PDB file of N, CA and C in Angstrom:
ATOM      1  N   MET A   1      34.255 -35.371 -62.156  1.00  0.00           N
ATOM      2  CA  MET A   1      35.755 -35.321 -62.211  1.00  0.00           C
ATOM      3  C   MET A   1      36.175 -36.681 -62.569  1.00  0.00           C
ATOM      4  N   GLU A   2      35.617 -37.416 -62.165  1.00  0.00           N
ATOM      5  CA  GLU A   2      36.027 -39.106 -62.733  1.00  0.00           C
ATOM      6  C   GLU A   2      35.832 -39.642 -64.086  1.00  0.00           C
ATOM      7  N   ARG A   3      34.603 -39.077 -64.405  1.00  0.00           N
ATOM      8  CA  ARG A   3      34.089 -39.319 -65.717  1.00  0.00           C
ATOM      9  C   ARG A   3      35.275 -38.620 -66.856  1.00  0.00           C
ATOM     10  N   LEU A   4      35.605 -37.355 -66.379  1.00  0.00           N
ATOM     11  CA  LEU A   4      36.539 -36.463 -67.414  1.00  0.00           C
ATOM     12  C   LEU A   4      37.477 -37.737 -67.303  1.00  0.00           C
ATOM     13  N   VAL A   5      38.426 -37.619 -66.010  1.00  0.00           N
ATOM     14  CA  VAL A   5      39.155 -38.568 -66.390  1.00  0.00           C
ATOM     15  C   VAL A   5      39.686 -39.668 -66.879  1.00  0.00           C
ATOM     16  N   ASP A   6      38.705 -40.690 -67.093  1.00  0.00           N
ATOM     17  CA  ASP A   6      38.326 -41.601 -67.677  1.00  0.00           C
ATOM     18  C   ASP A   6      37.950 -41.437 -69.175  1.00  0.00           C
ATOM     19  N   LEU A   7      38.213 -39.920 -69.687  1.00  0.00           N
ATOM     20  CA  LEU A   7      37.791 -39.956 -70.787  1.00  0.00           C
ATOM     21  C   LEU A   7      39.428 -39.170 -71.056  1.00  0.00           C
ATOM     22  N   GLY A   8      40.652 -38.864 -70.200  1.00  0.00           N
ATOM     23  CA  GLY A   8      41.622 -38.431 -70.659  1.00  0.00           C
ATOM     24  C   GLY A   8      42.011 -37.059 -70.721  1.00  0.00           C
ATOM     25  N   ILE A   9      40.657 -36.459 -69.673  1.00  0.00           N
ATOM     26  CA  ILE A   9      40.950 -34.655 -69.437  1.00  0.00           C
ATOM     27  C   ILE A   9      41.293 -35.012 -68.065  1.00  0.00           C
ATOM     28  N   SER A  10      42.240 -34.024 -68.057  1.00  0.00           N
ATOM     29  CA  SER A  10      43.280 -33.737 -66.739  1.00  0.00           C
ATOM     30  C   SER A  10      42.556 -31.906 -66.527  1.00  0.00           C
ATOM     31  N   ALA A  11      43.350 -31.970 -65.101  1.00  0.00           N
ATOM     32  CA  ALA A  11      42.945 -29.988 -65.124  1.00  0.00           C
ATOM     33  C   ALA A  11      44.073 -30.346 -63.820  1.00  0.00           C
ATOM     34  N   ASP A  12      44.625 -28.925 -63.738  1.00  0.00           N
ATOM     35  CA  ASP A  12      45.277 -28.631 -62.796  1.00  0.00           C
ATOM     36  C   ASP A  12      45.027 -27.565 -61.698  1.00  0.00           C
ATOM     37  N   GLU A  13      43.751 -27.130 -62.104  1.00  0.00           N
ATOM     38  CA  GLU A  13      42.432 -26.070 -61.186  1.00  0.00           C
ATOM     39  C   GLU A  13      41.454 -26.473 -61.617  1.00  0.00           C
ATOM     40  N   LEU A  14      40.496 -25.854 -60.787  1.00  0.00           N
ATOM     41  CA  LEU A  14      39.366 -25.813 -60.947  1.00  0.00           C
ATOM     42  C   LEU A  14      38.570 -24.336 -60.764  1.00  0.00           C
ATOM     43  N   ARG A  15      37.218 -23.667 -61.902  1.00  0.00           N
ATOM     44  CA  ARG A  15      37.329 -22.486 -61.589  1.00  0.00           C
ATOM     45  C   ARG A  15      35.479 -22.717 -61.315  1.00  0.00           C
ATOM     46  N   ILE A  16      35.308 -21.928 -60.119  1.00  0.00           N
ATOM     47  CA  ILE A  16      34.032 -22.002 -59.980  1.00  0.00           C
ATOM     48  C   ILE A  16      33.180 -20.513 -59.722  1.00  0.00           C
ATOM     49  N   SER A  17      31.825 -20.560 -60.409  1.00  0.00           N
ATOM     50  CA  SER A  17      31.753 -19.167 -60.297  1.00  0.00           C
ATOM     51  C   SER A  17      29.939 -19.210 -59.401  1.00  0.00           C
ATOM     52  N   GLY A  18      29.237 -18.162 -59.447  1.00  0.00           N
ATOM     53  CA  GLY A  18      27.897 -18.339 -58.240  1.00  0.00           C
ATOM     54  C   GLY A  18      28.172 -18.109 -56.687  1.00  0.00           C
ATOM     55  N   GLY A  19      27.347 -17.772 -56.199  1.00  0.00           N
ATOM     56  CA  GLY A  19      27.475 -17.266 -54.389  1.00  0.00           C
ATOM     57  C   GLY A  19      28.612 -18.049 -53.783  1.00  0.00           C
ATOM     58  N   GLY A  20      28.647 -19.434 -53.985  1.00  0.00           N
ATOM     59  CA  GLY A  20      29.586 -20.324 -53.407  1.00  0.00           C
ATOM     60  C   GLY A  20      31.194 -19.543 -53.555  1.00  0.00           C
ATOM     61  N   ALA A  21      31.242 -19.277 -54.950  1.00  0.00           N
ATOM     62  CA  ALA A  21      32.518 -18.918 -54.918  1.00  0.00           C
ATOM     63  C   ALA A  21      33.013 -17.697 -54.581  1.00  0.00           C
ATOM     64  N   LYS A  22      32.210 -16.934 -54.190  1.00  0.00           N
ATOM     65  CA  LYS A  22      32.599 -15.874 -52.553  1.00  0.00           C
ATOM     66  C   LYS A  22      32.860 -15.981 -51.590  1.00  0.00           C
ATOM     67  N   SER A  23      32.889 -17.352 -50.982  1.00  0.00           N
ATOM     68  CA  SER A  23      32.803 -18.005 -49.792  1.00  0.00           C
ATOM     69  C   SER A  23      34.401 -18.664 -49.689  1.00  0.00           C
ATOM     70  N   ALA A  24      35.772 -18.500 -49.145  1.00  0.00           N
ATOM     71  CA  ALA A  24      36.848 -18.566 -49.092  1.00  0.00           C
ATOM     72  C   ALA A  24      36.598 -20.057 -48.545  1.00  0.00           C
ATOM     73  N   THR A  25      35.825 -20.461 -47.250  1.00  0.00           N
ATOM     74  CA  THR A  25      34.872 -21.821 -46.840  1.00  0.00           C
ATOM     75  C   THR A  25      34.883 -22.906 -47.725  1.00  0.00           C
ATOM     76  N   MET A  26      33.932 -22.478 -48.918  1.00  0.00           N
ATOM     77  CA  MET A  26      33.272 -22.775 -50.256  1.00  0.00           C
ATOM     78  C   MET A  26      34.495 -22.920 -51.116  1.00  0.00           C
ATOM     79  N   ARG A  27      35.648 -22.507 -51.527  1.00  0.00           N
ATOM     80  CA  ARG A  27      36.176 -22.713 -52.098  1.00  0.00           C
ATOM     81  C   ARG A  27      37.331 -23.922 -51.769  1.00  0.00           C
ATOM     82  N   GLN A  28      37.811 -23.424 -50.473  1.00  0.00           N
ATOM     83  CA  GLN A  28      38.389 -24.751 -49.963  1.00  0.00           C
ATOM     84  C   GLN A  28      37.623 -26.463 -49.695  1.00  0.00           C
ATOM     85  N   ILE A  29      36.023 -26.403 -49.516  1.00  0.00           N
ATOM     86  CA  ILE A  29      36.030 -27.704 -49.334  1.00  0.00           C
ATOM     87  C   ILE A  29      35.392 -28.275 -50.564  1.00  0.00           C
ATOM     88  N   VAL A  30      35.847 -27.288 -51.664  1.00  0.00           N
ATOM     89  CA  VAL A  30      35.450 -28.012 -53.348  1.00  0.00           C
ATOM     90  C   VAL A  30      36.896 -28.427 -53.304  1.00  0.00           C
ATOM     91  N   SER A  31      38.056 -27.314 -52.923  1.00  0.00           N
ATOM     92  CA  SER A  31      39.762 -28.313 -53.589  1.00  0.00           C
ATOM     93  C   SER A  31      39.965 -29.065 -52.317  1.00  0.00           C
ATOM     94  N   ASP A  32      39.256 -29.338 -51.382  1.00  0.00           N
ATOM     95  CA  ASP A  32      39.764 -30.683 -50.501  1.00  0.00           C
ATOM     96  C   ASP A  32      39.309 -31.739 -51.103  1.00  0.00           C
ATOM     97  N   ILE A  33      37.996 -31.938 -51.428  1.00  0.00           N
ATOM     98  CA  ILE A  33      37.095 -32.564 -52.353  1.00  0.00           C
ATOM     99  C   ILE A  33      37.616 -33.423 -53.852  1.00  0.00           C
ATOM    100  N   PHE A  34      38.231 -32.202 -54.093  1.00  0.00           N
ATOM    101  CA  PHE A  34      38.614 -32.553 -55.523  1.00  0.00           C
ATOM    102  C   PHE A  34      40.057 -32.998 -55.482  1.00  0.00           C
ATOM    103  N   GLY A  35      41.119 -31.589 -54.955  1.00  0.00           N
ATOM    104  CA  GLY A  35      42.247 -32.359 -54.553  1.00  0.00           C
ATOM    105  C   GLY A  35      42.643 -31.430 -55.435  1.00  0.00           C
ATOM    106  N   LEU A  36      42.485 -30.272 -55.967  1.00  0.00           N
ATOM    107  CA  LEU A  36      42.746 -29.261 -57.000  1.00  0.00           C
ATOM    108  C   LEU A  36      42.723 -28.165 -56.225  1.00  0.00           C
ATOM    109  N   PRO A  37      43.353 -26.813 -56.685  1.00  0.00           N
ATOM    110  CA  PRO A  37      43.346 -25.275 -56.502  1.00  0.00           C
ATOM    111  C   PRO A  37      41.836 -25.304 -56.636  1.00  0.00           C
ATOM    112  N   VAL A  38      41.372 -24.276 -56.071  1.00  0.00           N
ATOM    113  CA  VAL A  38      40.264 -23.973 -57.078  1.00  0.00           C
ATOM    114  C   VAL A  38      40.386 -22.474 -57.088  1.00  0.00           C
ATOM    115  N   ILE A  39      39.525 -21.700 -58.283  1.00  0.00           N
ATOM    116  CA  ILE A  39      40.276 -20.507 -58.198  1.00  0.00           C
ATOM    117  C   ILE A  39      38.110 -19.460 -58.552  1.00  0.00           C
ATOM    118  N   GLY A  40      37.868 -18.761 -57.847  1.00  0.00           N
ATOM    119  CA  GLY A  40      36.777 -17.992 -58.647  1.00  0.00           C
ATOM    120  C   GLY A  40      37.193 -17.139 -59.414  1.00  0.00           C
ATOM    121  N   PHE A  41      35.887 -16.777 -60.661  1.00  0.00           N
ATOM    122  CA  PHE A  41      35.611 -15.318 -61.585  1.00  0.00           C
ATOM    123  C   PHE A  41      36.098 -14.552 -60.567  1.00  0.00           C
ATOM    124  N   LYS A  42      36.469 -13.327 -61.538  1.00  0.00           N
ATOM    125  CA  LYS A  42      36.709 -11.949 -61.016  1.00  0.00           C
ATOM    126  C   LYS A  42      35.148 -11.370 -61.325  1.00  0.00           C
ATOM    127  N   ILE A  43      34.627 -12.156 -62.148  1.00  0.00           N
ATOM    128  CA  ILE A  43      33.241 -12.143 -62.649  1.00  0.00           C
ATOM    129  C   ILE A  43      32.198 -12.395 -61.748  1.00  0.00           C
ATOM    130  N   SER A  44      31.325 -12.347 -60.964  1.00  0.00           N
ATOM    131  CA  SER A  44      30.513 -13.708 -59.997  1.00  0.00           C
ATOM    132  C   SER A  44      29.504 -14.185 -60.832  1.00  0.00           C
ATOM    133  N   GLU A  45      29.183 -13.905 -61.862  1.00  0.00           N
ATOM    134  CA  GLU A  45      27.958 -14.709 -62.500  1.00  0.00           C
ATOM    135  C   GLU A  45      28.336 -15.627 -63.905  1.00  0.00           C
ATOM    136  N   GLY A  46      29.422 -16.534 -63.519  1.00  0.00           N
ATOM    137  CA  GLY A  46      29.791 -16.947 -64.968  1.00  0.00           C
ATOM    138  C   GLY A  46      29.216 -17.451 -65.826  1.00  0.00           C
ATOM    139  N   ALA A  47      28.021 -17.922 -65.472  1.00  0.00           N
ATOM    140  CA  ALA A  47      26.594 -18.509 -66.438  1.00  0.00           C
ATOM    141  C   ALA A  47      26.464 -17.061 -67.344  1.00  0.00           C
ATOM    142  N   ALA A  48      26.139 -16.241 -66.950  1.00  0.00           N
ATOM    143  CA  ALA A  48      25.683 -15.011 -67.178  1.00  0.00           C
ATOM    144  C   ALA A  48      26.972 -14.591 -68.449  1.00  0.00           C
ATOM    145  N   PHE A  49      27.777 -14.499 -68.008  1.00  0.00           N
ATOM    146  CA  PHE A  49      29.013 -14.346 -68.901  1.00  0.00           C
ATOM    147  C   PHE A  49      29.346 -15.180 -69.857  1.00  0.00           C
ATOM    148  N   GLY A  50      29.157 -16.513 -69.271  1.00  0.00           N
ATOM    149  CA  GLY A  50      29.444 -18.119 -70.059  1.00  0.00           C
ATOM    150  C   GLY A  50      28.480 -17.903 -71.450  1.00  0.00           C
ATOM    151  N   SER A  51      27.635 -17.581 -71.104  1.00  0.00           N
ATOM    152  CA  SER A  51      26.634 -17.403 -72.120  1.00  0.00           C
ATOM    153  C   SER A  51      26.821 -16.931 -73.478  1.00  0.00           C
ATOM    154  N   PRO A  52      26.899 -15.265 -73.844  1.00  0.00           N
ATOM    155  CA  PRO A  52      27.035 -15.212 -75.026  1.00  0.00           C
ATOM    156  C   PRO A  52      28.577 -15.412 -75.289  1.00  0.00           C
ATOM    157  N   ILE A  53      29.469 -16.073 -74.649  1.00  0.00           N
ATOM    158  CA  ILE A  53      30.991 -16.443 -75.261  1.00  0.00           C
ATOM    159  C   ILE A  53      30.193 -17.887 -76.000  1.00  0.00           C
ATOM    160  N   GLN A  54      29.337 -18.706 -75.290  1.00  0.00           N
ATOM    161  CA  GLN A  54      29.121 -19.903 -75.643  1.00  0.00           C
ATOM    162  C   GLN A  54      28.087 -19.885 -77.011  1.00  0.00           C
ATOM    163  N   ALA A  55      27.258 -18.272 -77.144  1.00  0.00           N
ATOM    164  CA  ALA A  55      26.287 -18.216 -78.153  1.00  0.00           C
ATOM    165  C   ALA A  55      27.561 -17.559 -79.264  1.00  0.00           C
ATOM    166  N   ALA A  56      28.639 -17.045 -79.237  1.00  0.00           N
ATOM    167  CA  ALA A  56      29.272 -16.391 -80.148  1.00  0.00           C
ATOM    168  C   ALA A  56      30.251 -17.853 -81.099  1.00  0.00           C
ATOM    169  N   TRP A  57      30.580 -18.182 -79.985  1.00  0.00           N
ATOM    170  CA  TRP A  57      31.595 -19.706 -80.635  1.00  0.00           C
ATOM    171  C   TRP A  57      30.547 -20.664 -81.462  1.00  0.00           C
ATOM    172  N   THR A  58      29.579 -20.911 -81.087  1.00  0.00           N
ATOM    173  CA  THR A  58      28.484 -21.285 -81.770  1.00  0.00           C
ATOM    174  C   THR A  58      27.976 -21.310 -83.194  1.00  0.00           C
ATOM    175  N   ASN A  59      27.832 -20.137 -83.418  1.00  0.00           N
ATOM    176  CA  ASN A  59      27.434 -19.159 -84.156  1.00  0.00           C
ATOM    177  C   ASN A  59      28.917 -19.540 -84.889  1.00  0.00           C
ATOM    178  N   SER A  60      30.181 -18.915 -85.093  1.00  0.00           N
ATOM    179  CA  SER A  60      31.274 -19.135 -85.735  1.00  0.00           C
ATOM    180  C   SER A  60      31.248 -20.359 -86.247  1.00  0.00           C
ATOM    181  N   LYS A  61      30.848 -21.512 -84.945  1.00  0.00           N
ATOM    182  CA  LYS A  61      31.556 -22.752 -85.677  1.00  0.00           C
ATOM    183  C   LYS A  61      30.251 -22.805 -86.893  1.00  0.00           C
ATOM    184  N   ARG A  62      28.611 -22.700 -86.132  1.00  0.00           N
ATOM    185  CA  ARG A  62      28.187 -22.864 -87.707  1.00  0.00           C
ATOM    186  C   ARG A  62      28.236 -21.993 -89.209  1.00  0.00           C
ATOM    187  N   ARG A  63      28.869 -20.824 -89.010  1.00  0.00           N
ATOM    188  CA  ARG A  63      29.503 -20.444 -90.122  1.00  0.00           C
ATOM    189  C   ARG A  63      30.523 -20.487 -90.997  1.00  0.00           C
ATOM    190  N   GLU A  64      31.237 -21.926 -90.052  1.00  0.00           N
ATOM    191  CA  GLU A  64      32.212 -22.816 -90.787  1.00  0.00           C
ATOM    192  C   GLU A  64      33.604 -21.430 -90.143  1.00  0.00           C
ATOM    193  N   ASN A  65      33.516 -20.671 -89.735  1.00  0.00           N
ATOM    194  CA  ASN A  65      34.564 -19.426 -89.207  1.00  0.00           C
ATOM    195  C   ASN A  65      35.171 -19.753 -87.940  1.00  0.00           C
ATOM    196  N   ARG A  66      35.504 -20.769 -87.502  1.00  0.00           N
ATOM    197  CA  ARG A  66      35.840 -21.094 -86.131  1.00  0.00           C
ATOM    198  C   ARG A  66      36.844 -19.974 -85.565  1.00  0.00           C
ATOM    199  N   CYS A  67      36.673 -18.959 -84.108  1.00  0.00           N
ATOM    200  CA  CYS A  67      37.468 -18.831 -83.706  1.00  0.00           C
ATOM    201  C   CYS A  67      37.579 -19.610 -82.345  1.00  0.00           C
ATOM    202  N   ARG A  68      38.826 -19.050 -82.175  1.00  0.00           N
ATOM    203  CA  ARG A  68      39.291 -19.242 -81.219  1.00  0.00           C
ATOM    204  C   ARG A  68      38.531 -18.580 -79.439  1.00  0.00           C
ATOM    205  N   SER A  69      38.792 -19.266 -78.400  1.00  0.00           N
ATOM    206  CA  SER A  69      38.166 -18.953 -77.270  1.00  0.00           C
ATOM    207  C   SER A  69      38.698 -17.550 -76.897  1.00  0.00           C
ATOM    208  N   LYS A  70      40.837 -17.292 -77.251  1.00  0.00           N
ATOM    209  CA  LYS A  70      40.903 -16.041 -77.131  1.00  0.00           C
ATOM    210  C   LYS A  70      40.641 -15.012 -77.433  1.00  0.00           C
ATOM    211  N   GLU A  71      39.969 -15.174 -78.816  1.00  0.00           N
ATOM    212  CA  GLU A  71      39.156 -14.068 -79.486  1.00  0.00           C
ATOM    213  C   GLU A  71      38.107 -13.680 -79.040  1.00  0.00           C
ATOM    214  N   LEU A  72      37.893 -14.296 -78.478  1.00  0.00           N
ATOM    215  CA  LEU A  72      35.806 -14.293 -77.525  1.00  0.00           C
ATOM    216  C   LEU A  72      36.410 -13.357 -76.652  1.00  0.00           C
TER     217      LEU A  72
END
């Protein structure tokens, strides 16, 4: 997080996925560490969900027909 701040990137919240995201205790620990609200995704496996989104975005960029994240 410190590196992101150094790069001028800020966040109002953190989103986590995977097994730990299901645990209210784990979400609270992460929130306490980073000092930000933590939100879990409705879809429990974010990586499995994000992979096709990343592939679609990359493919659209390669074709110089960029699509916005909301379109994906």
